């Protein structure tokens, strides 16, 4: 697998945007799309930005992202471990893209 290092998330996001990616942050934020209602495009590459478990996604990255996805949650605790969040979101999007191909 090819990979590239960027000193900051902003630099990585700017590079991805320049290469035609849709950028979606995973965060609890005003105006976010609930994951169960989010429909990814099969026509355009998608990059997901997950934030720090304590401080979330950087505010500057949030400003330039194409949108924000939120994992619907019930109850008092509204935070998930980053590895759990990543698994939930990636699996959900994988299933939706696979269904679009059928």
PDB file of N, CA and C in Angstrom:
ATOM      1  N   UNK A   1       0.845  -1.170   0.000  1.00  0.00           N
ATOM      2  CA  UNK A   1       0.000   0.000   0.000  1.00  0.00           C
ATOM      3  C   UNK A   1       0.893   1.236   0.000  1.00  0.00           C
ATOM      4  N   UNK A   2       0.586   2.149  -0.883  1.00  0.00           N
ATOM      5  CA  UNK A   2       1.315   3.407  -0.909  1.00  0.00           C
ATOM      6  C   UNK A   2       0.792   4.326   0.194  1.00  0.00           C
ATOM      7  N   UNK A   3       1.674   5.126   0.736  1.00  0.00           N
ATOM      8  CA  UNK A   3       1.261   6.110   1.733  1.00  0.00           C
ATOM      9  C   UNK A   3       2.192   7.298   1.651  1.00  0.00           C
ATOM     10  N   UNK A   4       1.733   8.404   2.213  1.00  0.00           N
ATOM     11  CA  UNK A   4       2.524   9.628   2.206  1.00  0.00           C
ATOM     12  C   UNK A   4       2.351  10.321   3.546  1.00  0.00           C
ATOM     13  N   UNK A   5       3.438  10.862   4.077  1.00  0.00           N
ATOM     14  CA  UNK A   5       3.411  11.576   5.348  1.00  0.00           C
ATOM     15  C   UNK A   5       3.164  13.064   5.099  1.00  0.00           C
ATOM     16  N   UNK A   6       2.321  13.671   5.929  1.00  0.00           N
ATOM     17  CA  UNK A   6       2.105  15.116   5.940  1.00  0.00           C
ATOM     18  C   UNK A   6       2.298  15.608   7.367  1.00  0.00           C
ATOM     19  N   UNK A   7       2.989  16.711   7.552  1.00  0.00           N
ATOM     20  CA  UNK A   7       3.214  17.238   8.903  1.00  0.00           C
ATOM     21  C   UNK A   7       1.922  17.628   9.634  1.00  0.00           C
ATOM     22  N   UNK A   8       0.909  18.048   8.863  1.00  0.00           N
ATOM     23  CA  UNK A   8      -0.350  18.449   9.487  1.00  0.00           C
ATOM     24  C   UNK A   8      -1.532  17.842   8.740  1.00  0.00           C
ATOM     25  N   UNK A   9      -2.640  17.725   9.433  1.00  0.00           N
ATOM     26  CA  UNK A   9      -3.868  17.245   8.806  1.00  0.00           C
ATOM     27  C   UNK A   9      -4.300  18.197   7.705  1.00  0.00           C
ATOM     28  N   UNK A  10      -4.150  19.500   7.933  1.00  0.00           N
ATOM     29  CA  UNK A  10      -4.561  20.488   6.938  1.00  0.00           C
ATOM     30  C   UNK A  10      -3.816  20.285   5.621  1.00  0.00           C
ATOM     31  N   UNK A  11      -2.526  19.999   5.698  1.00  0.00           N
ATOM     32  CA  UNK A  11      -1.752  19.768   4.475  1.00  0.00           C
ATOM     33  C   UNK A  11      -2.260  18.526   3.741  1.00  0.00           C
ATOM     34  N   UNK A  12      -2.565  17.488   4.470  1.00  0.00           N
ATOM     35  CA  UNK A  12      -3.087  16.265   3.858  1.00  0.00           C
ATOM     36  C   UNK A  12      -4.440  16.527   3.204  1.00  0.00           C
ATOM     37  N   UNK A  13      -5.311  17.245   3.901  1.00  0.00           N
ATOM     38  CA  UNK A  13      -6.639  17.545   3.372  1.00  0.00           C
ATOM     39  C   UNK A  13      -6.528  18.415   2.121  1.00  0.00           C
ATOM     40  N   UNK A  14      -5.672  19.416   2.134  1.00  0.00           N
ATOM     41  CA  UNK A  14      -5.499  20.267   0.954  1.00  0.00           C
ATOM     42  C   UNK A  14      -5.007  19.458  -0.245  1.00  0.00           C
ATOM     43  N   UNK A  15      -4.099  18.535  -0.020  1.00  0.00           N
ATOM     44  CA  UNK A  15      -3.596  17.668  -1.096  1.00  0.00           C
ATOM     45  C   UNK A  15      -4.714  16.786  -1.647  1.00  0.00           C
ATOM     46  N   UNK A  16      -5.501  16.204  -0.761  1.00  0.00           N
ATOM     47  CA  UNK A  16      -6.613  15.362  -1.193  1.00  0.00           C
ATOM     48  C   UNK A  16      -7.645  16.164  -1.981  1.00  0.00           C
ATOM     49  N   UNK A  17      -7.982  17.360  -1.510  1.00  0.00           N
ATOM     50  CA  UNK A  17      -8.934  18.218  -2.226  1.00  0.00           C
ATOM     51  C   UNK A  17      -8.406  18.561  -3.613  1.00  0.00           C
ATOM     52  N   UNK A  18      -7.116  18.863  -3.705  1.00  0.00           N
ATOM     53  CA  UNK A  18      -6.505  19.191  -4.991  1.00  0.00           C
ATOM     54  C   UNK A  18      -6.560  18.005  -5.957  1.00  0.00           C
ATOM     55  N   UNK A  19      -6.644  16.799  -5.414  1.00  0.00           N
ATOM     56  CA  UNK A  19      -6.725  15.594  -6.236  1.00  0.00           C
ATOM     57  C   UNK A  19      -8.158  15.102  -6.428  1.00  0.00           C
ATOM     58  N   UNK A  20      -9.140  15.943  -6.103  1.00  0.00           N
ATOM     59  CA  UNK A  20     -10.529  15.634  -6.408  1.00  0.00           C
ATOM     60  C   UNK A  20     -11.303  14.827  -5.392  1.00  0.00           C
ATOM     61  N   UNK A  21     -10.776  14.671  -4.198  1.00  0.00           N
ATOM     62  CA  UNK A  21     -11.480  13.921  -3.164  1.00  0.00           C
ATOM     63  C   UNK A  21     -12.557  14.761  -2.494  1.00  0.00           C
ATOM     64  N   UNK A  22     -13.668  14.120  -2.140  1.00  0.00           N
ATOM     65  CA  UNK A  22     -14.625  14.704  -1.209  1.00  0.00           C
ATOM     66  C   UNK A  22     -14.060  14.457   0.181  1.00  0.00           C
ATOM     67  N   UNK A  23     -14.048  15.482   1.012  1.00  0.00           N
ATOM     68  CA  UNK A  23     -13.518  15.383   2.365  1.00  0.00           C
ATOM     69  C   UNK A  23     -14.680  15.453   3.352  1.00  0.00           C
ATOM     70  N   UNK A  24     -14.830  14.416   4.153  1.00  0.00           N
ATOM     71  CA  UNK A  24     -15.852  14.409   5.190  1.00  0.00           C
ATOM     72  C   UNK A  24     -15.194  14.134   6.531  1.00  0.00           C
ATOM     73  N   UNK A  25     -15.499  14.978   7.493  1.00  0.00           N
ATOM     74  CA  UNK A  25     -15.017  14.775   8.848  1.00  0.00           C
ATOM     75  C   UNK A  25     -16.010  13.883   9.592  1.00  0.00           C
ATOM     76  N   UNK A  26     -15.522  13.207  10.605  1.00  0.00           N
ATOM     77  CA  UNK A  26     -16.379  12.393  11.458  1.00  0.00           C
ATOM     78  C   UNK A  26     -16.380  13.083  12.816  1.00  0.00           C
ATOM     79  N   UNK A  27     -17.506  13.702  13.119  1.00  0.00           N
ATOM     80  CA  UNK A  27     -17.554  14.573  14.297  1.00  0.00           C
ATOM     81  C   UNK A  27     -19.004  14.846  14.671  1.00  0.00           C
ATOM     82  N   UNK A  28     -19.236  15.167  15.925  1.00  0.00           N
ATOM     83  CA  UNK A  28     -20.540  15.645  16.364  1.00  0.00           C
ATOM     84  C   UNK A  28     -20.514  17.158  16.206  1.00  0.00           C
ATOM     85  N   UNK A  29     -21.225  17.644  15.203  1.00  0.00           N
ATOM     86  CA  UNK A  29     -21.198  19.079  14.912  1.00  0.00           C
ATOM     87  C   UNK A  29     -22.536  19.521  14.349  1.00  0.00           C
ATOM     88  N   UNK A  30     -22.812  20.794  14.504  1.00  0.00           N
ATOM     89  CA  UNK A  30     -24.041  21.352  13.959  1.00  0.00           C
ATOM     90  C   UNK A  30     -24.019  21.203  12.444  1.00  0.00           C
ATOM     91  N   UNK A  31     -25.115  20.717  11.882  1.00  0.00           N
ATOM     92  CA  UNK A  31     -25.224  20.550  10.444  1.00  0.00           C
ATOM     93  C   UNK A  31     -24.639  19.251   9.907  1.00  0.00           C
ATOM     94  N   UNK A  32     -24.221  18.356  10.801  1.00  0.00           N
ATOM     95  CA  UNK A  32     -23.640  17.094  10.342  1.00  0.00           C
ATOM     96  C   UNK A  32     -24.722  16.192   9.752  1.00  0.00           C
ATOM     97  N   UNK A  33     -24.288  15.275   8.876  1.00  0.00           N
ATOM     98  CA  UNK A  33     -25.167  14.259   8.291  1.00  0.00           C
ATOM     99  C   UNK A  33     -25.104  13.032   9.191  1.00  0.00           C
ATOM    100  N   UNK A  34     -26.237  12.508   9.574  1.00  0.00           N
ATOM    101  CA  UNK A  34     -26.230  11.276  10.355  1.00  0.00           C
ATOM    102  C   UNK A  34     -25.751  10.143   9.452  1.00  0.00           C
ATOM    103  N   UNK A  35     -24.891   9.291   9.976  1.00  0.00           N
ATOM    104  CA  UNK A  35     -24.288   8.226   9.199  1.00  0.00           C
ATOM    105  C   UNK A  35     -25.330   7.362   8.507  1.00  0.00           C
ATOM    106  N   UNK A  36     -26.410   7.029   9.195  1.00  0.00           N
ATOM    107  CA  UNK A  36     -27.416   6.164   8.588  1.00  0.00           C
ATOM    108  C   UNK A  36     -28.102   6.814   7.382  1.00  0.00           C
ATOM    109  N   UNK A  37     -28.088   8.141   7.305  1.00  0.00           N
ATOM    110  CA  UNK A  37     -28.701   8.850   6.183  1.00  0.00           C
ATOM    111  C   UNK A  37     -27.681   9.274   5.117  1.00  0.00           C
ATOM    112  N   UNK A  38     -26.401   9.185   5.433  1.00  0.00           N
ATOM    113  CA  UNK A  38     -25.352   9.611   4.502  1.00  0.00           C
ATOM    114  C   UNK A  38     -25.250   8.657   3.321  1.00  0.00           C
ATOM    115  N   UNK A  39     -25.175   9.208   2.117  1.00  0.00           N
ATOM    116  CA  UNK A  39     -25.037   8.418   0.899  1.00  0.00           C
ATOM    117  C   UNK A  39     -23.766   8.847   0.175  1.00  0.00           C
ATOM    118  N   UNK A  40     -22.721   8.023   0.219  1.00  0.00           N
ATOM    119  CA  UNK A  40     -21.471   8.383  -0.460  1.00  0.00           C
ATOM    120  C   UNK A  40     -21.629   8.300  -1.972  1.00  0.00           C
ATOM    121  N   UNK A  41     -20.868   9.101  -2.687  1.00  0.00           N
ATOM    122  CA  UNK A  41     -20.865   9.060  -4.142  1.00  0.00           C
ATOM    123  C   UNK A  41     -19.918   7.974  -4.616  1.00  0.00           C
ATOM    124  N   UNK A  42     -20.386   7.143  -5.528  1.00  0.00           N
ATOM    125  CA  UNK A  42     -19.522   6.117  -6.120  1.00  0.00           C
ATOM    126  C   UNK A  42     -18.684   6.714  -7.243  1.00  0.00           C
ATOM    127  N   UNK A  43     -18.965   7.964  -7.601  1.00  0.00           N
ATOM    128  CA  UNK A  43     -18.290   8.613  -8.722  1.00  0.00           C
ATOM    129  C   UNK A  43     -17.046   9.392  -8.318  1.00  0.00           C
ATOM    130  N   UNK A  44     -16.904   9.688  -7.051  1.00  0.00           N
ATOM    131  CA  UNK A  44     -15.818  10.543  -6.596  1.00  0.00           C
ATOM    132  C   UNK A  44     -15.129   9.902  -5.399  1.00  0.00           C
ATOM    133  N   UNK A  45     -13.786   9.967  -5.338  1.00  0.00           N
ATOM    134  CA  UNK A  45     -13.112   9.387  -4.176  1.00  0.00           C
ATOM    135  C   UNK A  45     -13.466  10.136  -2.888  1.00  0.00           C
ATOM    136  N   UNK A  46     -13.460   9.414  -1.800  1.00  0.00           N
ATOM    137  CA  UNK A  46     -13.870   9.954  -0.503  1.00  0.00           C
ATOM    138  C   UNK A  46     -12.738   9.816   0.503  1.00  0.00           C
ATOM    139  N   UNK A  47     -12.471  10.883   1.214  1.00  0.00           N
ATOM    140  CA  UNK A  47     -11.497  10.845   2.308  1.00  0.00           C
ATOM    141  C   UNK A  47     -12.235  11.167   3.603  1.00  0.00           C
ATOM    142  N   UNK A  48     -11.956  10.387   4.627  1.00  0.00           N
ATOM    143  CA  UNK A  48     -12.580  10.579   5.932  1.00  0.00           C
ATOM    144  C   UNK A  48     -11.533  11.085   6.915  1.00  0.00           C
ATOM    145  N   UNK A  49     -11.902  12.095   7.688  1.00  0.00           N
ATOM    146  CA  UNK A  49     -10.993  12.670   8.680  1.00  0.00           C
ATOM    147  C   UNK A  49     -11.587  12.406  10.064  1.00  0.00           C
ATOM    148  N   UNK A  50     -10.865  11.605  10.840  1.00  0.00           N
ATOM    149  CA  UNK A  50     -11.259  11.309  12.216  1.00  0.00           C
ATOM    150  C   UNK A  50     -10.399  12.149  13.134  1.00  0.00           C
ATOM    151  N   UNK A  51     -10.995  12.671  14.188  1.00  0.00           N
ATOM    152  CA  UNK A  51     -10.268  13.544  15.097  1.00  0.00           C
ATOM    153  C   UNK A  51      -9.729  12.829  16.315  1.00  0.00           C
ATOM    154  N   UNK A  52      -9.032  13.590  17.094  1.00  0.00           N
ATOM    155  CA  UNK A  52      -8.520  13.148  18.377  1.00  0.00           C
ATOM    156  C   UNK A  52      -9.700  12.810  19.283  1.00  0.00           C
ATOM    157  N   UNK A  53      -9.564  11.760  20.086  1.00  0.00           N
ATOM    158  CA  UNK A  53     -10.666  11.331  20.948  1.00  0.00           C
ATOM    159  C   UNK A  53     -11.100  12.390  21.948  1.00  0.00           C
ATOM    160  N   UNK A  54     -10.209  13.285  22.312  1.00  0.00           N
ATOM    161  CA  UNK A  54     -10.545  14.323  23.293  1.00  0.00           C
ATOM    162  C   UNK A  54     -10.956  15.621  22.611  1.00  0.00           C
ATOM    163  N   UNK A  55     -10.147  16.082  21.664  1.00  0.00           N
ATOM    164  CA  UNK A  55     -10.396  17.408  21.072  1.00  0.00           C
ATOM    165  C   UNK A  55     -11.103  17.368  19.732  1.00  0.00           C
ATOM    166  N   UNK A  56     -11.297  16.202  19.139  1.00  0.00           N
ATOM    167  CA  UNK A  56     -12.032  16.103  17.885  1.00  0.00           C
ATOM    168  C   UNK A  56     -11.220  16.551  16.680  1.00  0.00           C
ATOM    169  N   UNK A  57     -11.928  16.880  15.612  1.00  0.00           N
ATOM    170  CA  UNK A  57     -11.305  17.335  14.369  1.00  0.00           C
ATOM    171  C   UNK A  57     -10.984  18.817  14.502  1.00  0.00           C
ATOM    172  N   UNK A  58      -9.811  19.203  14.038  1.00  0.00           N
ATOM    173  CA  UNK A  58      -9.370  20.597  14.083  1.00  0.00           C
ATOM    174  C   UNK A  58     -10.402  21.508  13.406  1.00  0.00           C
ATOM    175  N   UNK A  59     -10.682  22.657  14.017  1.00  0.00           N
ATOM    176  CA  UNK A  59     -11.687  23.592  13.516  1.00  0.00           C
ATOM    177  C   UNK A  59     -11.377  24.071  12.102  1.00  0.00           C
ATOM    178  N   UNK A  60     -10.117  24.262  11.773  1.00  0.00           N
ATOM    179  CA  UNK A  60      -9.745  24.716  10.426  1.00  0.00           C
ATOM    180  C   UNK A  60     -10.048  23.640   9.380  1.00  0.00           C
ATOM    181  N   UNK A  61      -9.856  22.385   9.739  1.00  0.00           N
ATOM    182  CA  UNK A  61     -10.183  21.287   8.827  1.00  0.00           C
ATOM    183  C   UNK A  61     -11.699  21.220   8.651  1.00  0.00           C
ATOM    184  N   UNK A  62     -12.437  21.403   9.733  1.00  0.00           N
ATOM    185  CA  UNK A  62     -13.903  21.393   9.655  1.00  0.00           C
ATOM    186  C   UNK A  62     -14.408  22.450   8.669  1.00  0.00           C
ATOM    187  N   UNK A  63     -13.757  23.598   8.642  1.00  0.00           N
ATOM    188  CA  UNK A  63     -14.194  24.700   7.767  1.00  0.00           C
ATOM    189  C   UNK A  63     -14.050  24.372   6.289  1.00  0.00           C
ATOM    190  N   UNK A  64     -13.027  23.616   5.922  1.00  0.00           N
ATOM    191  CA  UNK A  64     -12.800  23.359   4.495  1.00  0.00           C
ATOM    192  C   UNK A  64     -13.321  21.999   4.028  1.00  0.00           C
ATOM    193  N   UNK A  65     -13.808  21.191   4.964  1.00  0.00           N
ATOM    194  CA  UNK A  65     -14.356  19.884   4.590  1.00  0.00           C
ATOM    195  C   UNK A  65     -15.638  20.072   3.783  1.00  0.00           C
ATOM    196  N   UNK A  66     -15.946  19.060   2.971  1.00  0.00           N
ATOM    197  CA  UNK A  66     -17.172  19.090   2.169  1.00  0.00           C
ATOM    198  C   UNK A  66     -18.401  18.769   3.000  1.00  0.00           C
ATOM    199  N   UNK A  67     -18.191  18.201   4.166  1.00  0.00           N
ATOM    200  CA  UNK A  67     -19.294  17.876   5.044  1.00  0.00           C
ATOM    201  C   UNK A  67     -18.806  17.155   6.279  1.00  0.00           C
ATOM    202  N   UNK A  68     -19.751  16.877   7.153  1.00  0.00           N
ATOM    203  CA  UNK A  68     -19.443  16.223   8.423  1.00  0.00           C
ATOM    204  C   UNK A  68     -20.443  15.087   8.623  1.00  0.00           C
ATOM    205  N   UNK A  69     -19.945  13.957   9.059  1.00  0.00           N
ATOM    206  CA  UNK A  69     -20.772  12.779   9.324  1.00  0.00           C
ATOM    207  C   UNK A  69     -20.748  12.512  10.826  1.00  0.00           C
ATOM    208  N   UNK A  70     -21.913  12.215  11.356  1.00  0.00           N
ATOM    209  CA  UNK A  70     -22.035  11.919  12.786  1.00  0.00           C
ATOM    210  C   UNK A  70     -22.629  10.529  12.968  1.00  0.00           C
ATOM    211  N   UNK A  71     -22.069   9.761  13.875  1.00  0.00           N
ATOM    212  CA  UNK A  71     -22.609   8.442  14.198  1.00  0.00           C
ATOM    213  C   UNK A  71     -23.780   8.646  15.156  1.00  0.00           C
ATOM    214  N   UNK A  72     -24.989   8.223  14.761  1.00  0.00           N
ATOM    215  CA  UNK A  72     -26.125   8.384  15.672  1.00  0.00           C
ATOM    216  C   UNK A  72     -25.901   7.597  16.959  1.00  0.00           C
ATOM    217  N   UNK A  73     -26.195   8.234  18.092  1.00  0.00           N
ATOM    218  CA  UNK A  73     -26.011   7.590  19.385  1.00  0.00           C
ATOM    219  C   UNK A  73     -27.177   7.940  20.302  1.00  0.00           C
ATOM    220  N   UNK A  74     -27.469   7.034  21.196  1.00  0.00           N
ATOM    221  CA  UNK A  74     -28.516   7.257  22.185  1.00  0.00           C
ATOM    222  C   UNK A  74     -27.900   7.154  23.573  1.00  0.00           C
ATOM    223  N   UNK A  75     -28.601   7.671  24.534  1.00  0.00           N
ATOM    224  CA  UNK A  75     -28.132   7.568  25.910  1.00  0.00           C
ATOM    225  C   UNK A  75     -27.354   8.794  26.348  1.00  0.00           C
ATOM    226  N   UNK A  76     -26.672   8.658  27.461  1.00  0.00           N
ATOM    227  CA  UNK A  76     -25.979   9.783  28.077  1.00  0.00           C
ATOM    228  C   UNK A  76     -24.589  10.019  27.486  1.00  0.00           C
ATOM    229  N   UNK A  77     -23.873   8.949  27.189  1.00  0.00           N
ATOM    230  CA  UNK A  77     -22.504   9.069  26.680  1.00  0.00           C
ATOM    231  C   UNK A  77     -22.560   9.283  25.177  1.00  0.00           C
ATOM    232  N   UNK A  78     -21.951  10.332  24.679  1.00  0.00           N
ATOM    233  CA  UNK A  78     -21.960  10.616  23.255  1.00  0.00           C
ATOM    234  C   UNK A  78     -20.546  10.664  22.705  1.00  0.00           C
ATOM    235  N   UNK A  79     -19.772   9.637  23.000  1.00  0.00           N
ATOM    236  CA  UNK A  79     -18.408   9.551  22.520  1.00  0.00           C
ATOM    237  C   UNK A  79     -18.049   8.088  22.348  1.00  0.00           C
ATOM    238  N   UNK A  80     -17.357   7.784  21.264  1.00  0.00           N
ATOM    239  CA  UNK A  80     -16.891   6.424  21.021  1.00  0.00           C
ATOM    240  C   UNK A  80     -15.381   6.437  20.864  1.00  0.00           C
ATOM    241  N   UNK A  81     -14.743   5.345  21.223  1.00  0.00           N
ATOM    242  CA  UNK A  81     -13.322   5.174  20.997  1.00  0.00           C
ATOM    243  C   UNK A  81     -13.043   5.329  19.505  1.00  0.00           C
ATOM    244  N   UNK A  82     -11.913   5.927  19.147  1.00  0.00           N
ATOM    245  CA  UNK A  82     -11.600   6.209  17.741  1.00  0.00           C
ATOM    246  C   UNK A  82     -11.553   4.938  16.900  1.00  0.00           C
ATOM    247  N   UNK A  83     -11.046   3.848  17.441  1.00  0.00           N
ATOM    248  CA  UNK A  83     -10.996   2.612  16.651  1.00  0.00           C
ATOM    249  C   UNK A  83     -12.401   2.066  16.394  1.00  0.00           C
ATOM    250  N   UNK A  84     -13.280   2.210  17.363  1.00  0.00           N
ATOM    251  CA  UNK A  84     -14.673   1.785  17.200  1.00  0.00           C
ATOM    252  C   UNK A  84     -15.359   2.676  16.168  1.00  0.00           C
ATOM    253  N   UNK A  85     -15.180   3.979  16.281  1.00  0.00           N
ATOM    254  CA  UNK A  85     -15.779   4.921  15.333  1.00  0.00           C
ATOM    255  C   UNK A  85     -15.320   4.640  13.909  1.00  0.00           C
ATOM    256  N   UNK A  86     -14.031   4.401  13.748  1.00  0.00           N
ATOM    257  CA  UNK A  86     -13.488   4.130  12.417  1.00  0.00           C
ATOM    258  C   UNK A  86     -14.117   2.864  11.830  1.00  0.00           C
ATOM    259  N   UNK A  87     -14.195   1.822  12.625  1.00  0.00           N
ATOM    260  CA  UNK A  87     -14.796   0.577  12.155  1.00  0.00           C
ATOM    261  C   UNK A  87     -16.240   0.754  11.738  1.00  0.00           C
ATOM    262  N   UNK A  88     -17.009   1.458  12.534  1.00  0.00           N
ATOM    263  CA  UNK A  88     -18.422   1.683  12.229  1.00  0.00           C
ATOM    264  C   UNK A  88     -18.576   2.449  10.922  1.00  0.00           C
ATOM    265  N   UNK A  89     -17.864   3.549  10.779  1.00  0.00           N
ATOM    266  CA  UNK A  89     -18.020   4.414   9.608  1.00  0.00           C
ATOM    267  C   UNK A  89     -17.510   3.736   8.332  1.00  0.00           C
ATOM    268  N   UNK A  90     -16.328   3.145   8.399  1.00  0.00           N
ATOM    269  CA  UNK A  90     -15.765   2.513   7.211  1.00  0.00           C
ATOM    270  C   UNK A  90     -16.640   1.348   6.751  1.00  0.00           C
ATOM    271  N   UNK A  91     -17.119   0.540   7.680  1.00  0.00           N
ATOM    272  CA  UNK A  91     -17.983  -0.580   7.307  1.00  0.00           C
ATOM    273  C   UNK A  91     -19.285  -0.082   6.697  1.00  0.00           C
ATOM    274  N   UNK A  92     -19.885   0.916   7.273  1.00  0.00           N
ATOM    275  CA  UNK A  92     -21.147   1.450   6.766  1.00  0.00           C
ATOM    276  C   UNK A  92     -20.968   1.979   5.339  1.00  0.00           C
ATOM    277  N   UNK A  93     -19.925   2.742   5.113  1.00  0.00           N
ATOM    278  CA  UNK A  93     -19.696   3.304   3.777  1.00  0.00           C
ATOM    279  C   UNK A  93     -19.354   2.198   2.785  1.00  0.00           C
ATOM    280  N   UNK A  94     -18.548   1.221   3.191  1.00  0.00           N
ATOM    281  CA  UNK A  94     -18.236   0.080   2.331  1.00  0.00           C
ATOM    282  C   UNK A  94     -19.523  -0.619   1.883  1.00  0.00           C
ATOM    283  N   UNK A  95     -20.418  -0.894   2.810  1.00  0.00           N
ATOM    284  CA  UNK A  95     -21.672  -1.574   2.484  1.00  0.00           C
ATOM    285  C   UNK A  95     -22.523  -0.745   1.528  1.00  0.00           C
ATOM    286  N   UNK A  96     -22.589   0.543   1.746  1.00  0.00           N
ATOM    287  CA  UNK A  96     -23.385   1.409   0.871  1.00  0.00           C
ATOM    288  C   UNK A  96     -22.795   1.471  -0.538  1.00  0.00           C
ATOM    289  N   UNK A  97     -21.486   1.577  -0.652  1.00  0.00           N
ATOM    290  CA  UNK A  97     -20.852   1.606  -1.976  1.00  0.00           C
ATOM    291  C   UNK A  97     -21.005   0.263  -2.693  1.00  0.00           C
ATOM    292  N   UNK A  98     -20.885  -0.827  -1.948  1.00  0.00           N
ATOM    293  CA  UNK A  98     -21.068  -2.157  -2.531  1.00  0.00           C
ATOM    294  C   UNK A  98     -22.491  -2.329  -3.053  1.00  0.00           C
ATOM    295  N   UNK A  99     -23.473  -1.849  -2.311  1.00  0.00           N
ATOM    296  CA  UNK A  99     -24.869  -1.949  -2.723  1.00  0.00           C
ATOM    297  C   UNK A  99     -25.134  -1.119  -3.987  1.00  0.00           C
ATOM    298  N   UNK A 100     -24.423   0.000  -4.142  1.00  0.00           N
ATOM    299  CA  UNK A 100     -24.586   0.820  -5.342  1.00  0.00           C
ATOM    300  C   UNK A 100     -24.081   0.087  -6.584  1.00  0.00           C
ATOM    301  N   UNK A 101     -23.116  -0.798  -6.418  1.00  0.00           N
ATOM    302  CA  UNK A 101     -22.537  -1.543  -7.538  1.00  0.00           C
ATOM    303  C   UNK A 101     -23.445  -2.685  -7.987  1.00  0.00           C
ATOM    304  N   UNK A 102     -24.325  -3.143  -7.097  1.00  0.00           N
ATOM    305  CA  UNK A 102     -25.179  -4.294  -7.411  1.00  0.00           C
ATOM    306  C   UNK A 102     -26.283  -3.964  -8.395  1.00  0.00           C
TER     307      UNK A 102
END
